N, C-alpha and C. Protein backbone atom coordinates (compact mmCIF):
# COMPACT_ATOMS: atom_id res chain seq x y z
N MET A 1 -64.34 -44.76 -159.56
CA MET A 1 -63.47 -46.16 -160.85
C MET A 1 -64.70 -47.08 -160.73
N ALA A 2 -64.78 -47.71 -161.89
CA ALA A 2 -65.67 -48.07 -162.75
C ALA A 2 -66.01 -49.60 -161.81
N VAL A 3 -67.25 -49.63 -162.43
CA VAL A 3 -68.01 -50.86 -161.37
C VAL A 3 -67.68 -51.85 -162.21
N GLN A 4 -67.40 -53.14 -162.60
CA GLN A 4 -67.44 -54.28 -163.39
C GLN A 4 -68.57 -55.50 -162.46
N LEU A 5 -68.04 -56.17 -163.68
CA LEU A 5 -69.23 -57.49 -163.73
C LEU A 5 -68.04 -58.91 -163.37
N ASN A 6 -68.10 -59.18 -162.93
CA ASN A 6 -67.19 -61.05 -162.80
C ASN A 6 -67.62 -61.98 -163.73
N GLY A 7 -66.88 -62.59 -163.41
CA GLY A 7 -67.80 -64.44 -164.25
C GLY A 7 -69.10 -65.01 -163.83
N ASN A 8 -69.29 -63.90 -163.16
CA ASN A 8 -70.44 -65.18 -162.14
C ASN A 8 -71.98 -63.79 -162.16
N GLY A 9 -71.48 -62.41 -163.23
CA GLY A 9 -72.62 -61.57 -163.36
C GLY A 9 -72.60 -60.49 -161.96
N GLN A 10 -72.00 -60.87 -161.06
CA GLN A 10 -72.21 -60.01 -159.82
C GLN A 10 -71.18 -58.70 -160.25
N MET A 11 -71.67 -57.79 -159.65
CA MET A 11 -70.70 -56.27 -159.78
C MET A 11 -69.05 -56.54 -158.41
N PHE A 12 -68.35 -55.63 -158.74
CA PHE A 12 -67.37 -55.66 -158.31
C PHE A 12 -66.32 -54.14 -158.68
N GLU A 13 -65.66 -53.84 -157.60
CA GLU A 13 -64.91 -52.73 -157.74
C GLU A 13 -63.56 -53.56 -158.48
N PRO A 14 -63.28 -53.37 -159.41
CA PRO A 14 -61.55 -53.53 -159.33
C PRO A 14 -60.27 -53.21 -158.47
N SER A 15 -59.63 -53.62 -157.63
CA SER A 15 -58.21 -52.93 -157.39
C SER A 15 -57.30 -52.50 -157.88
N ILE A 16 -56.72 -51.75 -157.82
CA ILE A 16 -55.40 -51.64 -158.12
C ILE A 16 -54.38 -52.37 -158.03
N PRO A 17 -53.81 -52.42 -158.84
CA PRO A 17 -52.69 -53.69 -158.80
C PRO A 17 -51.52 -52.86 -158.07
N ASN A 18 -50.67 -53.41 -157.15
CA ASN A 18 -49.52 -53.10 -156.47
C ASN A 18 -48.33 -52.80 -157.95
N THR A 19 -48.21 -52.42 -158.59
CA THR A 19 -46.78 -52.28 -159.36
C THR A 19 -46.40 -50.53 -160.35
N PRO A 20 -45.78 -50.84 -160.96
CA PRO A 20 -44.62 -49.48 -160.37
C PRO A 20 -45.92 -48.63 -161.45
N GLN A 21 -46.59 -49.51 -162.38
CA GLN A 21 -47.08 -48.53 -163.42
C GLN A 21 -48.02 -47.49 -162.48
N HIS A 22 -48.60 -48.50 -161.36
CA HIS A 22 -50.00 -47.67 -161.01
C HIS A 22 -49.26 -46.55 -159.57
N HIS A 23 -48.56 -46.60 -159.23
CA HIS A 23 -47.89 -45.59 -158.69
C HIS A 23 -47.84 -44.34 -159.58
N HIS A 24 -48.00 -44.18 -160.96
CA HIS A 24 -47.28 -43.19 -161.68
C HIS A 24 -47.97 -41.76 -161.01
N GLY A 25 -48.97 -41.82 -159.99
CA GLY A 25 -49.85 -40.79 -159.65
C GLY A 25 -48.55 -40.61 -158.52
N CYS A 26 -48.60 -41.00 -158.11
CA CYS A 26 -47.43 -40.83 -156.86
C CYS A 26 -46.02 -40.53 -157.07
N CYS A 27 -45.36 -40.58 -158.27
CA CYS A 27 -44.45 -40.41 -158.91
C CYS A 27 -44.43 -39.20 -159.22
N ARG A 28 -45.76 -38.50 -160.20
CA ARG A 28 -45.94 -37.19 -161.01
C ARG A 28 -45.84 -36.25 -159.84
N LYS A 29 -46.82 -36.58 -158.72
CA LYS A 29 -46.54 -35.86 -157.30
C LYS A 29 -44.94 -35.43 -156.85
N GLU A 30 -44.29 -36.57 -156.49
CA GLU A 30 -42.57 -36.28 -156.24
C GLU A 30 -41.57 -35.55 -157.79
N THR A 31 -42.31 -35.81 -158.77
CA THR A 31 -41.70 -34.76 -159.61
C THR A 31 -42.48 -33.30 -158.95
N TRP A 32 -43.40 -33.39 -159.38
CA TRP A 32 -43.95 -31.57 -159.13
C TRP A 32 -43.12 -31.23 -158.23
N PHE A 33 -43.17 -32.57 -156.57
CA PHE A 33 -41.99 -31.41 -155.61
C PHE A 33 -40.98 -30.99 -155.94
N GLU A 34 -40.22 -32.27 -156.77
CA GLU A 34 -38.87 -31.68 -156.70
C GLU A 34 -38.95 -30.50 -157.47
N GLU A 35 -39.72 -30.57 -158.56
CA GLU A 35 -39.42 -29.12 -159.41
C GLU A 35 -39.78 -27.74 -158.73
N MET A 36 -40.86 -27.88 -158.18
CA MET A 36 -41.21 -26.60 -157.05
C MET A 36 -39.65 -26.47 -156.34
N ARG A 37 -39.77 -27.39 -155.60
CA ARG A 37 -38.11 -27.20 -155.01
C ARG A 37 -37.56 -26.76 -155.40
N GLY A 38 -36.61 -26.87 -156.72
CA GLY A 38 -36.25 -26.14 -157.38
C GLY A 38 -36.08 -24.82 -157.64
N TRP A 39 -37.57 -24.50 -157.79
CA TRP A 39 -37.89 -23.23 -158.85
C TRP A 39 -37.99 -22.23 -157.22
N ILE A 40 -38.58 -22.59 -155.83
CA ILE A 40 -38.47 -21.69 -155.04
C ILE A 40 -36.79 -21.72 -154.24
N MET A 41 -36.19 -22.63 -154.35
CA MET A 41 -34.70 -22.63 -154.17
C MET A 41 -34.01 -21.35 -155.05
N VAL A 42 -34.31 -21.17 -156.19
CA VAL A 42 -34.16 -20.32 -156.78
C VAL A 42 -34.58 -18.61 -156.40
N VAL A 43 -35.97 -18.39 -156.07
CA VAL A 43 -36.21 -17.64 -155.19
C VAL A 43 -35.86 -17.24 -154.12
N ALA A 44 -35.84 -18.38 -153.40
CA ALA A 44 -35.43 -17.88 -152.42
C ALA A 44 -33.85 -17.04 -151.68
N VAL A 45 -32.98 -17.92 -153.26
CA VAL A 45 -31.42 -17.43 -152.94
C VAL A 45 -31.69 -15.89 -154.04
N LEU A 46 -32.34 -15.67 -155.03
CA LEU A 46 -32.64 -14.69 -155.50
C LEU A 46 -32.83 -13.29 -154.20
N ILE A 47 -34.04 -13.86 -153.12
CA ILE A 47 -34.38 -13.07 -152.41
C ILE A 47 -32.96 -12.90 -151.26
N ALA A 48 -31.97 -13.86 -151.09
CA ALA A 48 -30.79 -13.96 -149.92
C ALA A 48 -29.82 -12.76 -150.74
N SER A 49 -29.91 -12.77 -151.81
CA SER A 49 -29.32 -11.71 -152.71
C SER A 49 -29.24 -10.69 -152.62
N VAL A 50 -30.49 -10.37 -152.74
CA VAL A 50 -31.08 -8.96 -153.00
C VAL A 50 -30.96 -8.37 -151.60
N THR A 51 -31.06 -9.10 -150.58
CA THR A 51 -31.38 -8.56 -149.45
C THR A 51 -30.47 -8.09 -148.79
N TYR A 52 -29.46 -9.15 -149.16
CA TYR A 52 -28.06 -9.12 -148.57
C TYR A 52 -27.03 -7.59 -149.23
N ALA A 53 -27.44 -7.70 -150.14
CA ALA A 53 -26.54 -6.55 -151.25
C ALA A 53 -27.15 -5.35 -150.69
N SER A 54 -28.65 -4.82 -150.14
CA SER A 54 -28.81 -3.89 -149.53
C SER A 54 -29.02 -3.61 -148.06
N GLY A 55 -28.59 -4.66 -147.19
CA GLY A 55 -28.57 -5.08 -146.33
C GLY A 55 -27.13 -3.85 -146.04
N LEU A 56 -25.49 -4.76 -147.25
CA LEU A 56 -24.70 -3.78 -146.81
C LEU A 56 -24.67 -2.54 -147.32
N ASN A 57 -25.33 -2.44 -148.40
CA ASN A 57 -25.76 -0.11 -148.83
C ASN A 57 -26.88 -0.48 -149.16
N PRO A 58 -27.18 0.42 -147.90
CA PRO A 58 -29.31 0.79 -148.34
C PRO A 58 -29.13 1.95 -149.20
N PRO A 59 -30.34 1.99 -149.01
CA PRO A 59 -30.42 2.92 -150.04
C PRO A 59 -30.37 4.45 -149.99
N GLY A 60 -29.42 5.18 -150.47
CA GLY A 60 -28.91 6.95 -150.14
C GLY A 60 -27.74 7.22 -150.16
N GLY A 61 -27.00 5.40 -149.77
CA GLY A 61 -25.51 4.81 -148.84
C GLY A 61 -25.40 5.81 -148.02
N PHE A 62 -23.96 5.95 -147.48
CA PHE A 62 -23.59 6.36 -146.21
C PHE A 62 -22.87 7.63 -146.33
N TRP A 63 -23.22 8.49 -145.63
CA TRP A 63 -21.80 9.65 -145.45
C TRP A 63 -21.02 9.06 -145.41
N GLN A 64 -20.23 10.59 -146.74
CA GLN A 64 -18.78 9.89 -146.98
C GLN A 64 -18.25 11.04 -145.46
N ASP A 65 -18.20 11.70 -145.28
CA ASP A 65 -17.39 12.67 -144.37
C ASP A 65 -17.66 13.01 -143.48
N ASP A 66 -16.76 13.58 -142.47
CA ASP A 66 -17.39 14.10 -140.62
C ASP A 66 -18.87 16.22 -140.93
N SER A 67 -18.67 16.28 -142.00
CA SER A 67 -19.02 16.92 -142.15
C SER A 67 -20.58 18.17 -142.43
N ASP A 68 -20.56 18.80 -142.02
CA ASP A 68 -22.24 19.13 -141.71
C ASP A 68 -23.10 18.23 -140.67
N GLY A 69 -22.17 18.03 -139.22
CA GLY A 69 -22.77 17.37 -138.16
C GLY A 69 -23.12 15.49 -138.20
N HIS A 70 -22.59 15.70 -139.58
CA HIS A 70 -23.01 13.90 -139.65
C HIS A 70 -21.67 13.23 -139.39
N ASP A 71 -21.86 11.89 -139.79
CA ASP A 71 -20.93 10.77 -139.36
C ASP A 71 -20.62 9.91 -140.40
N ALA A 72 -19.23 10.14 -140.74
CA ALA A 72 -18.81 9.31 -142.01
C ALA A 72 -18.97 8.01 -141.46
N GLY A 73 -20.28 6.99 -142.90
CA GLY A 73 -20.59 5.57 -142.89
C GLY A 73 -21.47 5.71 -141.78
N VAL A 74 -22.27 6.17 -141.77
CA VAL A 74 -23.86 6.24 -141.11
C VAL A 74 -24.57 5.94 -142.47
N SER A 75 -25.54 5.62 -142.58
CA SER A 75 -26.91 5.76 -143.52
C SER A 75 -27.32 7.33 -143.30
N ILE A 76 -27.30 7.76 -144.60
CA ILE A 76 -27.99 9.15 -144.96
C ILE A 76 -29.08 8.63 -144.77
N LEU A 77 -30.15 7.87 -145.06
CA LEU A 77 -31.29 7.08 -145.13
C LEU A 77 -31.65 6.89 -143.54
N HIS A 78 -31.26 6.81 -142.61
CA HIS A 78 -31.44 6.46 -140.99
C HIS A 78 -31.10 8.35 -140.94
N ASP A 79 -30.42 9.03 -141.64
CA ASP A 79 -30.25 10.45 -140.68
C ASP A 79 -31.81 11.05 -141.05
N LYS A 80 -31.84 11.13 -142.01
CA LYS A 80 -32.92 11.97 -142.71
C LYS A 80 -34.44 11.26 -143.18
N TYR A 81 -34.66 10.28 -142.99
CA TYR A 81 -35.98 9.78 -143.14
C TYR A 81 -35.82 8.45 -141.65
N ASN A 82 -35.58 9.09 -140.76
CA ASN A 82 -35.11 7.68 -139.61
C ASN A 82 -36.19 6.41 -139.57
N THR A 83 -37.56 6.88 -139.80
CA THR A 83 -38.71 6.00 -139.46
C THR A 83 -39.07 5.17 -141.14
N ARG A 84 -38.40 5.63 -142.05
CA ARG A 84 -38.39 4.95 -143.23
C ARG A 84 -37.08 3.61 -143.13
N PHE A 85 -35.71 4.53 -142.63
CA PHE A 85 -34.72 3.55 -142.45
C PHE A 85 -35.36 2.31 -141.53
N THR A 86 -35.63 2.93 -140.46
CA THR A 86 -36.32 1.43 -139.49
C THR A 86 -37.43 0.49 -140.22
N THR A 87 -38.33 1.12 -141.25
CA THR A 87 -39.27 -0.26 -141.88
C THR A 87 -38.58 -1.15 -142.79
N PHE A 88 -37.48 -0.01 -143.56
CA PHE A 88 -36.02 -0.83 -144.61
C PHE A 88 -35.86 -2.08 -143.62
N PHE A 89 -34.94 -1.47 -142.76
CA PHE A 89 -34.03 -2.18 -141.61
C PHE A 89 -35.16 -4.03 -141.59
N TYR A 90 -35.90 -3.08 -140.70
CA TYR A 90 -37.17 -4.75 -140.17
C TYR A 90 -37.13 -5.50 -141.53
N ALA A 91 -37.91 -4.89 -142.43
CA ALA A 91 -38.37 -5.39 -143.70
C ALA A 91 -37.59 -6.39 -144.55
N ASN A 92 -36.00 -5.83 -144.17
CA ASN A 92 -35.43 -6.13 -145.22
C ASN A 92 -34.58 -7.27 -143.92
N ALA A 93 -34.12 -7.45 -142.89
CA ALA A 93 -33.70 -8.84 -142.40
C ALA A 93 -34.99 -9.49 -142.42
N SER A 94 -36.08 -8.96 -142.09
CA SER A 94 -37.20 -10.13 -142.41
C SER A 94 -36.51 -11.04 -143.28
N ALA A 95 -36.64 -10.31 -144.93
CA ALA A 95 -36.87 -11.19 -145.64
C ALA A 95 -35.67 -12.14 -146.05
N PHE A 96 -34.14 -11.63 -145.14
CA PHE A 96 -33.47 -12.10 -145.34
C PHE A 96 -32.89 -13.46 -145.06
N MET A 97 -33.89 -13.42 -143.44
CA MET A 97 -33.93 -14.58 -142.26
C MET A 97 -34.42 -15.96 -143.57
N THR A 98 -35.72 -14.62 -143.82
CA THR A 98 -36.92 -15.64 -144.09
C THR A 98 -36.31 -17.02 -144.96
N SER A 99 -35.43 -16.54 -145.94
CA SER A 99 -34.88 -16.54 -147.59
C SER A 99 -33.55 -18.02 -146.95
N LEU A 100 -33.14 -17.62 -145.91
CA LEU A 100 -32.53 -18.34 -145.58
C LEU A 100 -32.83 -19.51 -144.64
N VAL A 101 -33.87 -19.58 -143.71
CA VAL A 101 -34.76 -20.73 -143.48
C VAL A 101 -35.33 -21.37 -144.42
N ILE A 102 -36.11 -20.76 -145.59
CA ILE A 102 -36.43 -21.96 -146.91
C ILE A 102 -35.32 -22.42 -146.67
N ILE A 103 -33.71 -21.77 -147.60
CA ILE A 103 -32.90 -22.41 -148.28
C ILE A 103 -32.47 -23.65 -147.44
N ILE A 104 -32.54 -23.76 -145.95
CA ILE A 104 -32.45 -24.56 -144.94
C ILE A 104 -33.00 -25.68 -145.20
N LEU A 105 -34.55 -25.00 -144.81
CA LEU A 105 -35.57 -26.55 -145.08
C LEU A 105 -35.38 -27.15 -146.83
N LEU A 106 -35.09 -26.69 -147.36
CA LEU A 106 -34.94 -26.92 -149.00
C LEU A 106 -33.99 -28.28 -148.73
N MET A 107 -32.87 -28.30 -147.78
CA MET A 107 -31.81 -28.59 -148.22
C MET A 107 -32.55 -29.94 -147.75
N ASN A 108 -33.31 -30.31 -147.09
CA ASN A 108 -33.32 -31.89 -146.20
C ASN A 108 -34.56 -31.99 -146.93
N LYS A 109 -34.36 -33.00 -148.07
CA LYS A 109 -35.89 -33.60 -149.10
C LYS A 109 -37.06 -34.12 -147.68
N LYS A 110 -36.58 -34.59 -146.40
CA LYS A 110 -37.52 -35.38 -145.72
C LYS A 110 -38.25 -34.34 -145.14
N PHE A 111 -38.28 -32.75 -145.56
CA PHE A 111 -38.76 -31.82 -144.62
C PHE A 111 -40.45 -31.44 -145.56
N TYR A 112 -40.47 -31.76 -146.53
CA TYR A 112 -41.38 -31.43 -147.15
C TYR A 112 -41.82 -32.75 -147.93
N ASN A 113 -41.93 -33.59 -147.11
CA ASN A 113 -42.91 -35.30 -147.74
C ASN A 113 -43.95 -34.91 -146.98
N ASN A 114 -44.96 -33.58 -146.63
CA ASN A 114 -46.21 -33.73 -145.99
C ASN A 114 -46.51 -32.03 -146.35
N ASN A 115 -48.08 -32.37 -146.39
CA ASN A 115 -48.05 -31.13 -147.33
C ASN A 115 -48.55 -30.02 -146.13
N ILE A 116 -48.49 -30.28 -144.54
CA ILE A 116 -48.40 -29.21 -143.88
C ILE A 116 -46.83 -28.50 -143.82
N LYS A 117 -45.91 -29.57 -143.85
CA LYS A 117 -44.56 -28.88 -144.20
C LYS A 117 -45.01 -28.33 -144.84
N VAL A 118 -45.48 -28.20 -146.65
CA VAL A 118 -45.40 -27.70 -147.42
C VAL A 118 -46.06 -26.51 -147.55
N LEU A 119 -47.25 -26.14 -147.14
CA LEU A 119 -47.61 -25.36 -146.71
C LEU A 119 -46.53 -24.06 -145.70
N ILE A 120 -46.55 -24.34 -144.78
CA ILE A 120 -45.71 -23.32 -144.34
C ILE A 120 -44.30 -23.44 -145.07
N LEU A 121 -43.77 -24.17 -146.10
CA LEU A 121 -42.79 -23.68 -146.84
C LEU A 121 -43.61 -22.27 -147.35
N ASN A 122 -44.33 -22.34 -148.02
CA ASN A 122 -45.32 -21.65 -149.27
C ASN A 122 -45.38 -20.44 -148.01
N ILE A 123 -45.38 -20.06 -146.69
CA ILE A 123 -46.35 -19.37 -146.19
C ILE A 123 -45.23 -18.47 -145.96
N SER A 124 -44.04 -19.41 -145.64
CA SER A 124 -42.58 -18.95 -145.14
C SER A 124 -41.99 -18.24 -146.58
N LEU A 125 -42.45 -18.07 -147.91
CA LEU A 125 -41.97 -17.67 -149.06
C LEU A 125 -42.41 -16.63 -149.32
N VAL A 126 -44.06 -16.42 -149.42
CA VAL A 126 -45.13 -15.13 -149.28
C VAL A 126 -44.80 -14.32 -148.00
N VAL A 127 -43.72 -14.22 -146.90
CA VAL A 127 -43.65 -13.48 -146.17
C VAL A 127 -42.64 -12.86 -146.55
N GLY A 128 -41.38 -13.98 -146.58
CA GLY A 128 -40.22 -13.48 -147.51
C GLY A 128 -40.48 -12.11 -148.39
N LEU A 129 -40.75 -13.07 -149.44
CA LEU A 129 -41.62 -11.33 -150.83
C LEU A 129 -42.49 -10.59 -149.73
N MET A 130 -43.18 -10.75 -149.58
CA MET A 130 -43.75 -9.13 -148.62
C MET A 130 -42.73 -8.22 -148.25
N SER A 131 -41.73 -9.49 -146.84
CA SER A 131 -40.92 -8.15 -146.14
C SER A 131 -39.97 -7.69 -147.36
N LEU A 132 -39.64 -8.44 -148.64
CA LEU A 132 -38.70 -7.45 -149.65
C LEU A 132 -39.40 -6.10 -150.54
N MET A 133 -40.71 -6.53 -150.12
CA MET A 133 -41.87 -5.28 -150.79
C MET A 133 -42.22 -4.40 -150.38
N ILE A 134 -41.82 -4.57 -149.28
CA ILE A 134 -42.58 -3.57 -148.08
C ILE A 134 -40.13 -2.84 -147.72
N ALA A 135 -39.89 -3.68 -148.00
CA ALA A 135 -38.55 -2.85 -148.00
C ALA A 135 -37.98 -2.40 -148.88
N TYR A 136 -38.19 -2.25 -150.37
CA TYR A 136 -38.13 -1.71 -151.45
C TYR A 136 -39.36 -0.12 -151.48
N ALA A 137 -40.54 -0.66 -151.06
CA ALA A 137 -40.82 0.52 -151.01
C ALA A 137 -40.04 1.65 -149.83
N ALA A 138 -39.86 1.14 -148.51
CA ALA A 138 -39.80 2.12 -147.63
C ALA A 138 -38.38 2.53 -148.27
N GLY A 139 -37.25 1.79 -148.98
CA GLY A 139 -36.45 1.76 -149.17
C GLY A 139 -36.14 3.17 -151.01
N SER A 140 -37.05 2.84 -151.60
CA SER A 140 -37.43 3.57 -152.83
C SER A 140 -37.53 4.49 -153.06
N THR A 141 -38.95 5.26 -152.05
CA THR A 141 -39.93 6.30 -152.22
C THR A 141 -39.60 7.65 -151.20
N ARG A 142 -39.74 8.16 -151.51
CA ARG A 142 -39.92 9.61 -150.20
C ARG A 142 -41.01 9.67 -149.27
N ARG A 143 -42.03 9.51 -150.19
CA ARG A 143 -42.97 9.95 -149.09
C ARG A 143 -43.69 9.02 -149.00
N PHE A 144 -44.33 8.91 -147.50
CA PHE A 144 -44.96 8.24 -147.01
C PHE A 144 -46.06 7.61 -147.88
N SER A 145 -46.73 8.59 -148.11
CA SER A 145 -48.33 8.42 -148.89
C SER A 145 -47.48 7.46 -150.89
N THR A 146 -45.91 7.71 -151.01
CA THR A 146 -45.91 6.75 -152.15
C THR A 146 -45.70 5.71 -151.72
N SER A 147 -44.62 5.21 -150.65
CA SER A 147 -45.09 4.11 -150.32
C SER A 147 -45.63 3.31 -149.83
N LEU A 148 -47.11 3.54 -149.24
CA LEU A 148 -48.95 3.04 -149.38
C LEU A 148 -48.72 2.82 -150.99
N TYR A 149 -48.69 3.11 -151.73
CA TYR A 149 -48.53 2.82 -153.55
C TYR A 149 -48.22 1.64 -153.26
N VAL A 150 -47.08 2.06 -153.28
CA VAL A 150 -46.29 0.90 -153.65
C VAL A 150 -46.78 -0.42 -153.03
N ILE A 151 -46.66 -0.41 -151.74
CA ILE A 151 -47.31 -1.51 -151.02
C ILE A 151 -48.52 -1.92 -151.48
N ALA A 152 -49.54 -1.09 -151.70
CA ALA A 152 -50.99 -1.61 -152.20
C ALA A 152 -50.75 -2.30 -153.90
N LEU A 153 -50.35 -1.82 -154.27
CA LEU A 153 -49.76 -2.49 -155.95
C LEU A 153 -49.23 -3.78 -155.59
N ALA A 154 -47.98 -3.75 -154.77
CA ALA A 154 -47.16 -4.99 -154.77
C ALA A 154 -48.61 -6.22 -154.01
N VAL A 155 -49.26 -5.49 -153.18
CA VAL A 155 -50.31 -6.82 -152.79
C VAL A 155 -51.64 -7.12 -153.90
N GLY A 156 -51.92 -5.72 -154.16
CA GLY A 156 -52.69 -6.48 -155.48
C GLY A 156 -52.11 -7.05 -156.14
N VAL A 157 -50.57 -7.53 -156.70
CA VAL A 157 -50.17 -8.24 -157.46
C VAL A 157 -50.54 -9.43 -156.80
N MET A 158 -49.44 -9.60 -155.74
CA MET A 158 -50.15 -10.86 -155.24
C MET A 158 -50.86 -11.62 -155.00
N VAL A 159 -52.13 -10.89 -154.90
CA VAL A 159 -53.23 -11.43 -154.39
C VAL A 159 -53.27 -11.88 -155.85
N PHE A 160 -53.71 -11.28 -156.84
CA PHE A 160 -53.80 -11.58 -158.35
C PHE A 160 -53.17 -12.88 -158.28
N VAL A 161 -51.83 -12.85 -158.58
CA VAL A 161 -50.94 -14.44 -158.39
C VAL A 161 -51.60 -15.59 -157.91
N LEU A 162 -51.45 -15.21 -156.63
CA LEU A 162 -51.97 -15.96 -155.60
C LEU A 162 -53.61 -16.98 -156.07
N TYR A 163 -54.23 -16.23 -156.75
CA TYR A 163 -55.67 -16.00 -157.19
C TYR A 163 -55.72 -17.29 -158.69
N SER A 164 -54.55 -16.02 -159.31
CA SER A 164 -54.67 -16.92 -160.94
C SER A 164 -53.89 -18.32 -160.26
N ALA A 165 -53.07 -19.14 -160.28
CA ALA A 165 -52.43 -19.78 -159.38
C ALA A 165 -53.12 -20.92 -158.95
N ASN A 166 -54.10 -20.65 -158.15
CA ASN A 166 -55.46 -21.28 -157.70
C ASN A 166 -56.23 -21.13 -158.98
N VAL A 167 -56.81 -20.97 -159.51
CA VAL A 167 -57.68 -20.79 -160.90
C VAL A 167 -57.08 -21.91 -161.61
N MET A 168 -55.84 -21.52 -161.99
CA MET A 168 -54.83 -22.45 -162.77
C MET A 168 -54.84 -24.08 -162.42
N HIS A 169 -54.75 -24.36 -161.13
CA HIS A 169 -54.47 -25.27 -160.18
C HIS A 169 -55.93 -26.10 -160.51
N ALA A 170 -56.90 -25.19 -160.20
CA ALA A 170 -58.09 -25.78 -160.15
C ALA A 170 -58.72 -26.43 -161.92
N LEU A 171 -58.33 -25.26 -162.91
CA LEU A 171 -58.86 -26.08 -164.53
C LEU A 171 -58.00 -26.94 -164.85
N PHE A 172 -56.38 -27.13 -164.74
CA PHE A 172 -55.54 -27.73 -165.64
C PHE A 172 -55.06 -29.40 -164.09
N GLY A 173 -55.46 -28.84 -162.48
CA GLY A 173 -55.31 -29.93 -162.44
C GLY A 173 -55.84 -31.09 -161.94
N ARG A 174 -57.74 -30.58 -162.10
CA ARG A 174 -58.30 -31.50 -162.00
C ARG A 174 -58.30 -32.24 -162.51
N HIS A 175 -57.99 -31.58 -164.10
CA HIS A 175 -58.25 -32.20 -165.40
C HIS A 175 -56.91 -33.64 -165.53
N HIS A 176 -55.74 -33.33 -164.77
CA HIS A 176 -54.50 -33.73 -164.65
C HIS A 176 -55.03 -34.69 -163.87
N ASN A 177 -55.37 -34.81 -163.05
CA ASN A 177 -55.67 -35.82 -162.08
C ASN A 177 -56.82 -37.07 -162.60
N ASP A 178 -58.20 -36.39 -163.04
CA ASP A 178 -58.96 -37.24 -164.24
C ASP A 178 -58.41 -38.39 -164.77
N TYR A 179 -57.26 -37.75 -165.79
CA TYR A 179 -56.44 -38.08 -166.99
C TYR A 179 -55.74 -39.95 -165.77
N SER A 180 -55.24 -38.99 -164.92
CA SER A 180 -54.74 -40.31 -164.49
C SER A 180 -55.19 -41.38 -164.37
N ARG A 181 -56.61 -40.82 -163.22
CA ARG A 181 -57.64 -42.09 -162.81
C ARG A 181 -57.90 -42.31 -163.69
N ARG A 182 -58.26 -41.88 -165.37
CA ARG A 182 -58.49 -43.00 -166.46
C ARG A 182 -57.19 -43.60 -166.79
N GLU A 183 -56.00 -43.31 -166.63
CA GLU A 183 -55.29 -44.16 -166.98
C GLU A 183 -55.07 -45.33 -166.25
N ILE A 184 -55.17 -45.47 -165.12
CA ILE A 184 -55.25 -46.30 -164.21
C ILE A 184 -56.60 -47.53 -164.48
N GLU A 185 -57.61 -47.19 -164.41
CA GLU A 185 -59.04 -47.57 -165.00
C GLU A 185 -58.73 -48.30 -165.79
N ALA A 186 -58.21 -48.17 -167.35
CA ALA A 186 -58.38 -48.57 -168.57
C ALA A 186 -56.86 -49.25 -168.17
N GLN A 187 -55.79 -48.95 -167.53
CA GLN A 187 -54.94 -50.31 -167.84
C GLN A 187 -55.64 -51.69 -166.09
N SER A 188 -55.87 -51.42 -165.30
CA SER A 188 -56.64 -52.16 -164.16
C SER A 188 -57.81 -53.54 -164.86
N SER A 189 -58.83 -52.53 -166.12
CA SER A 189 -59.47 -52.72 -167.18
C SER A 189 -58.63 -54.21 -167.86
N ASN A 190 -57.81 -53.44 -169.04
CA ASN A 190 -56.99 -54.72 -169.77
C ASN A 190 -56.72 -55.56 -169.11
N GLN A 191 -56.35 -55.63 -167.76
CA GLN A 191 -55.72 -57.06 -166.80
C GLN A 191 -56.44 -58.13 -166.77
N ASN A 192 -57.84 -57.25 -166.70
CA ASN A 192 -58.26 -58.49 -166.54
C ASN A 192 -59.45 -58.65 -167.80
């Protein structure tokens, strides 16, 4: 904040008056949280929908009859590639449960009033997305090496997105905060 001179020539830092205009930064933060809450809810519902559908109808489908030593209604992936099926099953179940937890937490507005809780929410979202990617890799490829390539590509994309988000926040978030600070200083100097 800028240092000003009072009527006697002494320096002082003006305090920010307690008016609704000066809580503008607070309102912006609440608006940002509310907007992010909506987007996270959309992603969580999308993850829940995809994982629910793939849990009911796993990749490869089900055996339709009891011929050739197979039981009707058993997953083909389970019988042919048991390790891939197990990986798919646990990753898909993790993504589904994580998305349900996120949805339940987001329904309580008091949950995300703390930065630690928002961090927990973001970590849950990353865990859900990573589980979804692992389930996709396990269910969509036949060879283990291809699954590793898909997982490596997904992790690379996730790292790039997280890095880009941090860079964008550092570039634009700082500028946004400086602008808010300048607005407050200008309003407080106009009142004096």
